[in-house]
């Protein structure tokens, strides 16, 4: 069976009867919009297989500078934390008044580095999402255009992201389930901001509610893959810190560098796979709410 959806040879997995009526105009050869979960999965894999080299180049261009920014900040943070904690313990042992402010040592540099790395990562996410769309619409080689699109939409995504923070805070305060719900509903926010001018948080919620079965199944899969990958990376980081650095909170530069490198490798893989799946999830959600095909993006 051909894996290229543009050839229309997808009939074996679209023949399953659908539990819900599909939007008018849904085409089994559409490279983004699918009729069922298996179709979404196969389309995601096809897009990854087709465009992985350019997607990987973008993610590497993001991961390397992010790692360069984070590594020295992490080393400084670990050292200052170690020194502050030792000073705190010494003052307690001596019967003096402990200086609790020492426990916040090193946070400023780490927060600044994390903010810079976050902005770089955001640009990579938008560029990757745009490249996925370009791959689906036959423009997969236009990396420069994808970068320009990401730069144009980055301020909007940053603004919507800041607006989403209070929503997450309220959800977390309420309970675990509301925070999960909000996170799931806003999963496709970057794709919405990238592809729909003037749309943001409200649009993400509307798309999520268009068909909860479709939305939850796609987002849950992305979240599950992300959790599994993060778990593996954290286990490897712990192993590196213990074996190379001598402890989980090691200040050994080699161990910290290896840990940052492992995180960078994971971010490259996750950026390729998970971003692609979010784009196809967005397409499925939008097609359940309104008439939508990949041709609409080609025209746009």
C-alpha atoms as a PDB file:
ATOM      1  CA  UNK A   1       0.000   0.000   0.000  1.00  0.00           C
ATOM      2  CA  UNK A   2       1.316   3.434  -0.916  1.00  0.00           C
ATOM      3  CA  UNK A   3       1.821   5.659   2.091  1.00  0.00           C
ATOM      4  CA  UNK A   4       1.446   8.836   0.016  1.00  0.00           C
ATOM      5  CA  UNK A   5      -2.048  10.218   0.625  1.00  0.00           C
ATOM      6  CA  UNK A   6      -1.845  12.369  -2.484  1.00  0.00           C
ATOM      7  CA  UNK A   7      -2.087   9.191  -4.541  1.00  0.00           C
ATOM      8  CA  UNK A   8      -5.465   8.278  -3.039  1.00  0.00           C
ATOM      9  CA  UNK A   9      -4.403   4.722  -2.180  1.00  0.00           C
ATOM     10  CA  UNK A  10      -5.763   4.810   1.373  1.00  0.00           C
ATOM     11  CA  UNK A  11      -8.915   2.801   0.915  1.00  0.00           C
ATOM     12  CA  UNK A  12      -7.949  -0.156   3.106  1.00  0.00           C
ATOM     13  CA  UNK A  13      -7.945   1.905   6.308  1.00  0.00           C
ATOM     14  CA  UNK A  14     -10.736   4.337   5.423  1.00  0.00           C
ATOM     15  CA  UNK A  15     -13.236   1.602   4.678  1.00  0.00           C
ATOM     16  CA  UNK A  16     -14.187   1.169   8.351  1.00  0.00           C
ATOM     17  CA  UNK A  17     -17.683   2.597   9.030  1.00  0.00           C
ATOM     18  CA  UNK A  18     -17.493   5.895  10.873  1.00  0.00           C
ATOM     19  CA  UNK A  19     -19.274   6.388  14.201  1.00  0.00           C
ATOM     20  CA  UNK A  20     -20.012  10.019  13.292  1.00  0.00           C
ATOM     21  CA  UNK A  21     -20.895  11.611   9.947  1.00  0.00           C
ATOM     22  CA  UNK A  22     -17.924  13.274   8.332  1.00  0.00           C
ATOM     23  CA  UNK A  23     -17.899  16.840   7.040  1.00  0.00           C
ATOM     24  CA  UNK A  24     -19.039  17.324   3.481  1.00  0.00           C
ATOM     25  CA  UNK A  25     -16.106  17.262   1.102  1.00  0.00           C
ATOM     26  CA  UNK A  26     -13.844  15.020   3.167  1.00  0.00           C
ATOM     27  CA  UNK A  27     -11.504  13.280   0.733  1.00  0.00           C
ATOM     28  CA  UNK A  28      -9.810   9.976   1.654  1.00  0.00           C
ATOM     29  CA  UNK A  29      -6.729  11.222  -0.223  1.00  0.00           C
ATOM     30  CA  UNK A  30      -6.504  14.464   1.771  1.00  0.00           C
ATOM     31  CA  UNK A  31      -2.995  14.541   3.313  1.00  0.00           C
ATOM     32  CA  UNK A  32      -4.135  16.263   6.528  1.00  0.00           C
ATOM     33  CA  UNK A  33      -7.810  15.540   7.241  1.00  0.00           C
ATOM     34  CA  UNK A  34      -8.650  11.953   8.198  1.00  0.00           C
ATOM     35  CA  UNK A  35     -11.841   9.984   8.754  1.00  0.00           C
ATOM     36  CA  UNK A  36     -10.692   8.006  11.784  1.00  0.00           C
ATOM     37  CA  UNK A  37      -7.897   7.521  14.291  1.00  0.00           C
ATOM     38  CA  UNK A  38      -5.926   5.139  12.111  1.00  0.00           C
ATOM     39  CA  UNK A  39      -6.130   7.599   9.246  1.00  0.00           C
ATOM     40  CA  UNK A  40      -4.789  10.342  11.484  1.00  0.00           C
ATOM     41  CA  UNK A  41      -1.934   8.108  12.643  1.00  0.00           C
ATOM     42  CA  UNK A  42      -1.015   7.053   9.084  1.00  0.00           C
ATOM     43  CA  UNK A  43      -1.109  10.606   7.781  1.00  0.00           C
ATOM     44  CA  UNK A  44       1.114  11.761  10.624  1.00  0.00           C
ATOM     45  CA  UNK A  45       3.640   9.009   9.878  1.00  0.00           C
ATOM     46  CA  UNK A  46       3.575   9.828   6.157  1.00  0.00           C
ATOM     47  CA  UNK A  47       4.255  13.514   6.806  1.00  0.00           C
ATOM     48  CA  UNK A  48       7.091  12.653   9.217  1.00  0.00           C
ATOM     49  CA  UNK A  49       8.613  10.217   6.722  1.00  0.00           C
ATOM     50  CA  UNK A  50       8.306  12.689   3.856  1.00  0.00           C
ATOM     51  CA  UNK A  51       9.637  15.784   5.562  1.00  0.00           C
ATOM     52  CA  UNK A  52      11.803  14.507   8.404  1.00  0.00           C
ATOM     53  CA  UNK A  53      15.117  15.775   6.999  1.00  0.00           C
ATOM     54  CA  UNK A  54      14.000  19.408   6.828  1.00  0.00           C
ATOM     55  CA  UNK A  55      12.085  19.111  10.086  1.00  0.00           C
ATOM     56  CA  UNK A  56      15.192  17.697  11.758  1.00  0.00           C
ATOM     57  CA  UNK A  57      17.321  20.536  10.352  1.00  0.00           C
ATOM     58  CA  UNK A  58      14.947  23.075  11.868  1.00  0.00           C
ATOM     59  CA  UNK A  59      14.875  21.303  15.218  1.00  0.00           C
ATOM     60  CA  UNK A  60      18.665  21.023  15.308  1.00  0.00           C
ATOM     61  CA  UNK A  61      18.921  24.723  14.519  1.00  0.00           C
ATOM     62  CA  UNK A  62      16.747  25.272  17.591  1.00  0.00           C
ATOM     63  CA  UNK A  63      18.196  22.665  19.958  1.00  0.00           C
ATOM     64  CA  UNK A  64      21.856  23.642  19.552  1.00  0.00           C
ATOM     65  CA  UNK A  65      21.565  27.339  20.519  1.00  0.00           C
ATOM     66  CA  UNK A  66      19.068  26.437  23.268  1.00  0.00           C
ATOM     67  CA  UNK A  67      21.587  23.971  24.706  1.00  0.00           C
ATOM     68  CA  UNK A  68      24.375  26.541  24.433  1.00  0.00           C
ATOM     69  CA  UNK A  69      22.275  29.000  26.436  1.00  0.00           C
ATOM     70  CA  UNK A  70      21.073  26.502  29.033  1.00  0.00           C
ATOM     71  CA  UNK A  71      24.286  24.600  29.788  1.00  0.00           C
ATOM     72  CA  UNK A  72      26.321  27.357  31.507  1.00  0.00           C
ATOM     73  CA  UNK A  73      23.198  28.634  33.288  1.00  0.00           C
ATOM     74  CA  UNK A  74      22.460  25.153  34.608  1.00  0.00           C
ATOM     75  CA  UNK A  75      26.064  24.683  35.786  1.00  0.00           C
ATOM     76  CA  UNK A  76      25.973  28.043  37.567  1.00  0.00           C
ATOM     77  CA  UNK A  77      22.601  27.258  39.117  1.00  0.00           C
ATOM     78  CA  UNK A  78      23.708  23.859  40.432  1.00  0.00           C
ATOM     79  CA  UNK A  79      26.911  25.302  41.933  1.00  0.00           C
ATOM     80  CA  UNK A  80      25.191  28.253  43.602  1.00  0.00           C
ATOM     81  CA  UNK A  81      22.436  26.000  44.914  1.00  0.00           C
ATOM     82  CA  UNK A  82      24.990  23.575  46.337  1.00  0.00           C
ATOM     83  CA  UNK A  83      26.933  26.378  48.036  1.00  0.00           C
ATOM     84  CA  UNK A  84      23.762  28.018  49.385  1.00  0.00           C
ATOM     85  CA  UNK A  85      22.373  24.774  50.751  1.00  0.00           C
ATOM     86  CA  UNK A  86      25.674  24.020  52.465  1.00  0.00           C
ATOM     87  CA  UNK A  87      25.745  27.499  54.000  1.00  0.00           C
ATOM     88  CA  UNK A  88      22.141  27.085  55.109  1.00  0.00           C
ATOM     89  CA  UNK A  89      22.911  23.755  56.783  1.00  0.00           C
ATOM     90  CA  UNK A  90      26.023  25.179  58.461  1.00  0.00           C
ATOM     91  CA  UNK A  91      24.032  28.047  59.959  1.00  0.00           C
ATOM     92  CA  UNK A  92      21.391  25.631  61.252  1.00  0.00           C
ATOM     93  CA  UNK A  93      24.045  23.361  62.777  1.00  0.00           C
ATOM     94  CA  UNK A  94      25.694  26.371  64.452  1.00  0.00           C
ATOM     95  CA  UNK A  95      22.396  27.431  66.004  1.00  0.00           C
ATOM     96  CA  UNK A  96      22.263  30.695  64.100  1.00  0.00           C
ATOM     97  CA  UNK A  97      19.399  32.232  62.143  1.00  0.00           C
ATOM     98  CA  UNK A  98      19.249  30.551  58.733  1.00  0.00           C
ATOM     99  CA  UNK A  99      19.179  32.726  55.630  1.00  0.00           C
ATOM    100  CA  UNK A 100      16.323  31.330  53.568  1.00  0.00           C
ATOM    101  CA  UNK A 101      17.071  33.705  50.684  1.00  0.00           C
ATOM    102  CA  UNK A 102      20.173  31.634  49.998  1.00  0.00           C
ATOM    103  CA  UNK A 103      17.920  28.805  48.808  1.00  0.00           C
ATOM    104  CA  UNK A 104      16.946  30.947  45.787  1.00  0.00           C
ATOM    105  CA  UNK A 105      20.549  31.403  44.676  1.00  0.00           C
ATOM    106  CA  UNK A 106      21.178  30.940  40.959  1.00  0.00           C
ATOM    107  CA  UNK A 107      17.535  31.108  39.919  1.00  0.00           C
ATOM    108  CA  UNK A 108      17.805  34.433  38.109  1.00  0.00           C
ATOM    109  CA  UNK A 109      20.371  33.295  35.551  1.00  0.00           C
ATOM    110  CA  UNK A 110      18.517  30.015  34.993  1.00  0.00           C
ATOM    111  CA  UNK A 111      15.177  31.757  34.476  1.00  0.00           C
ATOM    112  CA  UNK A 112      16.666  34.192  31.969  1.00  0.00           C
ATOM    113  CA  UNK A 113      18.364  31.363  30.064  1.00  0.00           C
ATOM    114  CA  UNK A 114      15.141  29.323  30.129  1.00  0.00           C
ATOM    115  CA  UNK A 115      13.170  32.283  28.748  1.00  0.00           C
ATOM    116  CA  UNK A 116      15.643  32.727  25.887  1.00  0.00           C
ATOM    117  CA  UNK A 117      15.625  28.989  25.159  1.00  0.00           C
ATOM    118  CA  UNK A 118      11.820  29.031  25.303  1.00  0.00           C
ATOM    119  CA  UNK A 119      11.578  31.753  22.669  1.00  0.00           C
ATOM    120  CA  UNK A 120      14.003  29.868  20.427  1.00  0.00           C
ATOM    121  CA  UNK A 121      11.966  26.692  20.910  1.00  0.00           C
ATOM    122  CA  UNK A 122       8.743  28.554  20.096  1.00  0.00           C
ATOM    123  CA  UNK A 123      10.212  29.724  16.794  1.00  0.00           C
ATOM    124  CA  UNK A 124      11.237  26.155  16.051  1.00  0.00           C
ATOM    125  CA  UNK A 125       7.751  24.876  16.819  1.00  0.00           C
ATOM    126  CA  UNK A 126       6.092  27.406  14.501  1.00  0.00           C
ATOM    127  CA  UNK A 127       8.619  26.780  11.731  1.00  0.00           C
ATOM    128  CA  UNK A 128       8.183  23.020  12.027  1.00  0.00           C
ATOM    129  CA  UNK A 129       4.385  23.293  11.978  1.00  0.00           C
ATOM    130  CA  UNK A 130       4.530  25.498   8.890  1.00  0.00           C
ATOM    131  CA  UNK A 131       6.882  23.036   7.182  1.00  0.00           C
ATOM    132  CA  UNK A 132       4.442  20.205   7.935  1.00  0.00           C
ATOM    133  CA  UNK A 133       1.701  22.229   6.242  1.00  0.00           C
ATOM    134  CA  UNK A 134       4.024  22.987   3.328  1.00  0.00           C
ATOM    135  CA  UNK A 135       4.800  19.271   3.003  1.00  0.00           C
ATOM    136  CA  UNK A 136       1.092  18.481   2.861  1.00  0.00           C
ATOM    137  CA  UNK A 137       0.476  21.178   0.258  1.00  0.00           C
ATOM    138  CA  UNK A 138       3.449  20.327  -1.946  1.00  0.00           C
ATOM    139  CA  UNK A 139       5.768  23.099  -0.752  1.00  0.00           C
ATOM    140  CA  UNK A 140       7.960  20.994   1.525  1.00  0.00           C
ATOM    141  CA  UNK A 141      11.218  22.533   0.295  1.00  0.00           C
ATOM    142  CA  UNK A 142      10.343  26.103   1.286  1.00  0.00           C
ATOM    143  CA  UNK A 143      12.175  26.214   4.611  1.00  0.00           C
ATOM    144  CA  UNK A 144      12.914  29.920   4.272  1.00  0.00           C
ATOM    145  CA  UNK A 145       9.225  30.733   3.827  1.00  0.00           C
ATOM    146  CA  UNK A 146       8.424  28.622   6.884  1.00  0.00           C
ATOM    147  CA  UNK A 147      10.962  30.545   8.970  1.00  0.00           C
ATOM    148  CA  UNK A 148       9.516  33.872   7.813  1.00  0.00           C
ATOM    149  CA  UNK A 149       6.005  32.711   8.669  1.00  0.00           C
ATOM    150  CA  UNK A 150       7.203  31.660  12.130  1.00  0.00           C
ATOM    151  CA  UNK A 151       8.850  35.023  12.756  1.00  0.00           C
ATOM    152  CA  UNK A 152       5.678  36.851  11.752  1.00  0.00           C
ATOM    153  CA  UNK A 153       3.436  34.782  14.027  1.00  0.00           C
ATOM    154  CA  UNK A 154       5.804  34.456  17.013  1.00  0.00           C
ATOM    155  CA  UNK A 155       4.678  37.711  18.723  1.00  0.00           C
ATOM    156  CA  UNK A 156       1.031  36.608  18.459  1.00  0.00           C
ATOM    157  CA  UNK A 157       1.782  33.186  19.935  1.00  0.00           C
ATOM    158  CA  UNK A 158       3.807  34.777  22.733  1.00  0.00           C
ATOM    159  CA  UNK A 159       0.883  37.062  23.533  1.00  0.00           C
ATOM    160  CA  UNK A 160      -1.681  34.269  23.512  1.00  0.00           C
ATOM    161  CA  UNK A 161       0.655  32.127  25.580  1.00  0.00           C
ATOM    162  CA  UNK A 162       0.899  34.818  28.237  1.00  0.00           C
ATOM    163  CA  UNK A 163      -2.891  35.132  28.268  1.00  0.00           C
ATOM    164  CA  UNK A 164      -3.154  31.362  28.728  1.00  0.00           C
ATOM    165  CA  UNK A 165      -0.982  31.416  31.880  1.00  0.00           C
ATOM    166  CA  UNK A 166      -3.732  32.725  34.219  1.00  0.00           C
ATOM    167  CA  UNK A 167      -6.133  30.138  32.824  1.00  0.00           C
ATOM    168  CA  UNK A 168      -3.685  27.369  33.687  1.00  0.00           C
ATOM    169  CA  UNK A 169      -3.101  28.839  37.129  1.00  0.00           C
ATOM    170  CA  UNK A 170      -6.822  28.903  37.890  1.00  0.00           C
ATOM    171  CA  UNK A 171      -7.222  25.363  36.531  1.00  0.00           C
ATOM    172  CA  UNK A 172      -4.371  24.074  38.689  1.00  0.00           C
ATOM    173  CA  UNK A 173      -5.812  25.762  41.775  1.00  0.00           C
ATOM    174  CA  UNK A 174      -9.219  24.189  41.142  1.00  0.00           C
ATOM    175  CA  UNK A 175      -8.025  20.614  40.707  1.00  0.00           C
ATOM    176  CA  UNK A 176      -5.963  18.227  38.593  1.00  0.00           C
ATOM    177  CA  UNK A 177      -8.746  17.471  36.108  1.00  0.00           C
ATOM    178  CA  UNK A 178      -9.398  21.122  35.117  1.00  0.00           C
ATOM    179  CA  UNK A 179      -5.681  21.609  34.463  1.00  0.00           C
ATOM    180  CA  UNK A 180      -5.639  18.518  32.236  1.00  0.00           C
ATOM    181  CA  UNK A 181      -8.729  19.768  30.414  1.00  0.00           C
ATOM    182  CA  UNK A 182      -7.260  23.222  29.804  1.00  0.00           C
ATOM    183  CA  UNK A 183      -3.961  21.744  28.628  1.00  0.00           C
ATOM    184  CA  UNK A 184      -5.765  19.444  26.195  1.00  0.00           C
ATOM    185  CA  UNK A 185      -8.013  22.194  24.860  1.00  0.00           C
ATOM    186  CA  UNK A 186      -5.036  24.490  24.245  1.00  0.00           C
ATOM    187  CA  UNK A 187      -2.787  21.808  22.730  1.00  0.00           C
ATOM    188  CA  UNK A 188      -3.376  23.055  19.180  1.00  0.00           C
ATOM    189  CA  UNK A 189      -3.110  26.751  20.113  1.00  0.00           C
ATOM    190  CA  UNK A 190       0.269  27.174  18.327  1.00  0.00           C
ATOM    191  CA  UNK A 191      -1.200  25.753  15.109  1.00  0.00           C
ATOM    192  CA  UNK A 192      -4.300  27.936  15.420  1.00  0.00           C
ATOM    193  CA  UNK A 193      -2.193  31.075  15.885  1.00  0.00           C
ATOM    194  CA  UNK A 194       0.056  30.090  12.977  1.00  0.00           C
ATOM    195  CA  UNK A 195      -2.684  29.366  10.449  1.00  0.00           C
ATOM    196  CA  UNK A 196      -5.594  31.576  11.519  1.00  0.00           C
ATOM    197  CA  UNK A 197      -4.955  35.281  11.895  1.00  0.00           C
ATOM    198  CA  UNK A 198      -6.792  36.903  14.795  1.00  0.00           C
ATOM    199  CA  UNK A 199      -7.678  33.557  16.408  1.00  0.00           C
ATOM    200  CA  UNK A 200      -6.365  32.142  19.654  1.00  0.00           C
ATOM    201  CA  UNK A 201      -7.570  30.669  22.923  1.00  0.00           C
ATOM    202  CA  UNK A 202     -11.315  30.802  22.179  1.00  0.00           C
ATOM    203  CA  UNK A 203     -10.817  29.172  18.797  1.00  0.00           C
ATOM    204  CA  UNK A 204      -8.760  26.365  20.359  1.00  0.00           C
ATOM    205  CA  UNK A 205     -11.554  25.583  22.814  1.00  0.00           C
ATOM    206  CA  UNK A 206     -14.186  25.619  20.046  1.00  0.00           C
ATOM    207  CA  UNK A 207     -12.172  23.230  17.889  1.00  0.00           C
ATOM    208  CA  UNK A 208     -11.566  20.934  20.841  1.00  0.00           C
ATOM    209  CA  UNK A 209     -15.293  20.735  21.597  1.00  0.00           C
ATOM    210  CA  UNK A 210     -16.353  20.184  17.968  1.00  0.00           C
ATOM    211  CA  UNK A 211     -15.952  16.435  18.431  1.00  0.00           C
ATOM    212  CA  UNK A 212     -14.588  15.392  21.817  1.00  0.00           C
ATOM    213  CA  UNK A 213     -13.897  11.828  20.736  1.00  0.00           C
ATOM    214  CA  UNK A 214     -11.657  12.971  17.890  1.00  0.00           C
ATOM    215  CA  UNK A 215     -10.000  15.707  19.953  1.00  0.00           C
ATOM    216  CA  UNK A 216      -9.331  13.640  23.064  1.00  0.00           C
ATOM    217  CA  UNK A 217      -7.970  10.645  21.144  1.00  0.00           C
ATOM    218  CA  UNK A 218      -5.471  12.766  19.187  1.00  0.00           C
ATOM    219  CA  UNK A 219      -4.358  14.989  22.052  1.00  0.00           C
ATOM    220  CA  UNK A 220      -4.128  12.063  24.489  1.00  0.00           C
ATOM    221  CA  UNK A 221      -1.862  10.215  22.069  1.00  0.00           C
ATOM    222  CA  UNK A 222       0.422  13.232  21.702  1.00  0.00           C
ATOM    223  CA  UNK A 223       0.488  13.707  25.479  1.00  0.00           C
ATOM    224  CA  UNK A 224       1.185  10.014  26.063  1.00  0.00           C
ATOM    225  CA  UNK A 225       4.101   9.990  23.632  1.00  0.00           C
ATOM    226  CA  UNK A 226       5.465  13.167  25.204  1.00  0.00           C
ATOM    227  CA  UNK A 227       5.205  11.710  28.705  1.00  0.00           C
ATOM    228  CA  UNK A 228       6.863   8.447  27.688  1.00  0.00           C
ATOM    229  CA  UNK A 229       9.722  10.268  25.967  1.00  0.00           C
ATOM    230  CA  UNK A 230      10.230  12.604  28.925  1.00  0.00           C
ATOM    231  CA  UNK A 231      10.255   9.666  31.320  1.00  0.00           C
ATOM    232  CA  UNK A 232      12.984   7.911  29.342  1.00  0.00           C
ATOM    233  CA  UNK A 233      15.070  11.098  29.135  1.00  0.00           C
ATOM    234  CA  UNK A 234      14.706  11.761  32.875  1.00  0.00           C
ATOM    235  CA  UNK A 235      15.793   8.224  33.674  1.00  0.00           C
ATOM    236  CA  UNK A 236      18.833   8.583  31.407  1.00  0.00           C
ATOM    237  CA  UNK A 237      19.649  11.973  32.939  1.00  0.00           C
ATOM    238  CA  UNK A 238      19.501  10.483  36.422  1.00  0.00           C
ATOM    239  CA  UNK A 239      21.779   7.650  35.322  1.00  0.00           C
ATOM    240  CA  UNK A 240      24.280  10.119  33.850  1.00  0.00           C
ATOM    241  CA  UNK A 241      24.241  12.353  36.936  1.00  0.00           C
ATOM    242  CA  UNK A 242      24.789   9.413  39.277  1.00  0.00           C
ATOM    243  CA  UNK A 243      27.426   7.559  37.254  1.00  0.00           C
ATOM    244  CA  UNK A 244      29.358  10.488  35.784  1.00  0.00           C
ATOM    245  CA  UNK A 245      28.610  13.246  38.265  1.00  0.00           C
ATOM    246  CA  UNK A 246      28.441  11.230  41.454  1.00  0.00           C
ATOM    247  CA  UNK A 247      24.931  12.314  42.457  1.00  0.00           C
ATOM    248  CA  UNK A 248      21.522  13.434  41.242  1.00  0.00           C
ATOM    249  CA  UNK A 249      22.278  17.094  42.067  1.00  0.00           C
ATOM    250  CA  UNK A 250      25.792  16.960  40.637  1.00  0.00           C
ATOM    251  CA  UNK A 251      27.708  20.127  39.731  1.00  0.00           C
ATOM    252  CA  UNK A 252      30.023  18.203  37.392  1.00  0.00           C
ATOM    253  CA  UNK A 253      30.097  20.163  34.078  1.00  0.00           C
ATOM    254  CA  UNK A 254      30.538  16.952  32.050  1.00  0.00           C
ATOM    255  CA  UNK A 255      27.480  15.331  33.593  1.00  0.00           C
ATOM    256  CA  UNK A 256      25.407  18.477  33.163  1.00  0.00           C
ATOM    257  CA  UNK A 257      26.540  18.829  29.555  1.00  0.00           C
ATOM    258  CA  UNK A 258      25.580  15.230  28.819  1.00  0.00           C
ATOM    259  CA  UNK A 259      22.182  15.758  30.444  1.00  0.00           C
ATOM    260  CA  UNK A 260      21.544  18.876  28.352  1.00  0.00           C
ATOM    261  CA  UNK A 261      22.630  16.965  25.234  1.00  0.00           C
ATOM    262  CA  UNK A 262      20.181  14.161  26.023  1.00  0.00           C
ATOM    263  CA  UNK A 263      17.415  16.708  26.476  1.00  0.00           C
ATOM    264  CA  UNK A 264      18.359  18.329  23.166  1.00  0.00           C
ATOM    265  CA  UNK A 265      18.192  14.977  21.350  1.00  0.00           C
ATOM    266  CA  UNK A 266      14.765  14.347  22.814  1.00  0.00           C
ATOM    267  CA  UNK A 267      13.572  17.842  21.895  1.00  0.00           C
ATOM    268  CA  UNK A 268      14.614  17.263  18.268  1.00  0.00           C
ATOM    269  CA  UNK A 269      12.725  13.964  18.059  1.00  0.00           C
ATOM    270  CA  UNK A 270       9.711  15.346  19.917  1.00  0.00           C
ATOM    271  CA  UNK A 271       9.701  18.483  17.795  1.00  0.00           C
ATOM    272  CA  UNK A 272       9.472  16.410  14.623  1.00  0.00           C
ATOM    273  CA  UNK A 273       6.943  13.807  15.763  1.00  0.00           C
ATOM    274  CA  UNK A 274       4.699  15.670  18.185  1.00  0.00           C
ATOM    275  CA  UNK A 275       4.461  18.888  16.176  1.00  0.00           C
ATOM    276  CA  UNK A 276       3.453  16.926  13.083  1.00  0.00           C
ATOM    277  CA  UNK A 277       0.776  15.125  15.066  1.00  0.00           C
ATOM    278  CA  UNK A 278      -0.553  18.394  16.454  1.00  0.00           C
ATOM    279  CA  UNK A 279      -0.915  19.787  12.924  1.00  0.00           C
ATOM    280  CA  UNK A 280      -2.877  16.740  11.761  1.00  0.00           C
ATOM    281  CA  UNK A 281      -4.918  16.794  14.999  1.00  0.00           C
ATOM    282  CA  UNK A 282      -5.784  20.437  14.308  1.00  0.00           C
ATOM    283  CA  UNK A 283      -6.878  19.525  10.784  1.00  0.00           C
ATOM    284  CA  UNK A 284      -9.157  16.767  12.082  1.00  0.00           C
ATOM    285  CA  UNK A 285     -10.651  19.024  14.768  1.00  0.00           C
ATOM    286  CA  UNK A 286     -11.307  21.840  12.303  1.00  0.00           C
ATOM    287  CA  UNK A 287     -12.882  19.486   9.763  1.00  0.00           C
ATOM    288  CA  UNK A 288     -15.347  18.308  12.433  1.00  0.00           C
ATOM    289  CA  UNK A 289     -16.445  21.875  13.113  1.00  0.00           C
ATOM    290  CA  UNK A 290     -16.591  23.295   9.596  1.00  0.00           C
ATOM    291  CA  UNK A 291     -15.872  22.430   5.999  1.00  0.00           C
ATOM    292  CA  UNK A 292     -12.096  22.220   5.824  1.00  0.00           C
ATOM    293  CA  UNK A 293      -9.590  20.459   3.588  1.00  0.00           C
ATOM    294  CA  UNK A 294      -5.883  20.785   2.868  1.00  0.00           C
ATOM    295  CA  UNK A 295      -6.872  22.685  -0.289  1.00  0.00           C
ATOM    296  CA  UNK A 296      -8.029  25.522   1.951  1.00  0.00           C
ATOM    297  CA  UNK A 297      -4.494  25.890   3.279  1.00  0.00           C
ATOM    298  CA  UNK A 298      -3.089  25.710  -0.246  1.00  0.00           C
ATOM    299  CA  UNK A 299      -5.311  28.597  -1.261  1.00  0.00           C
ATOM    300  CA  UNK A 300      -4.383  30.564   1.858  1.00  0.00           C
END
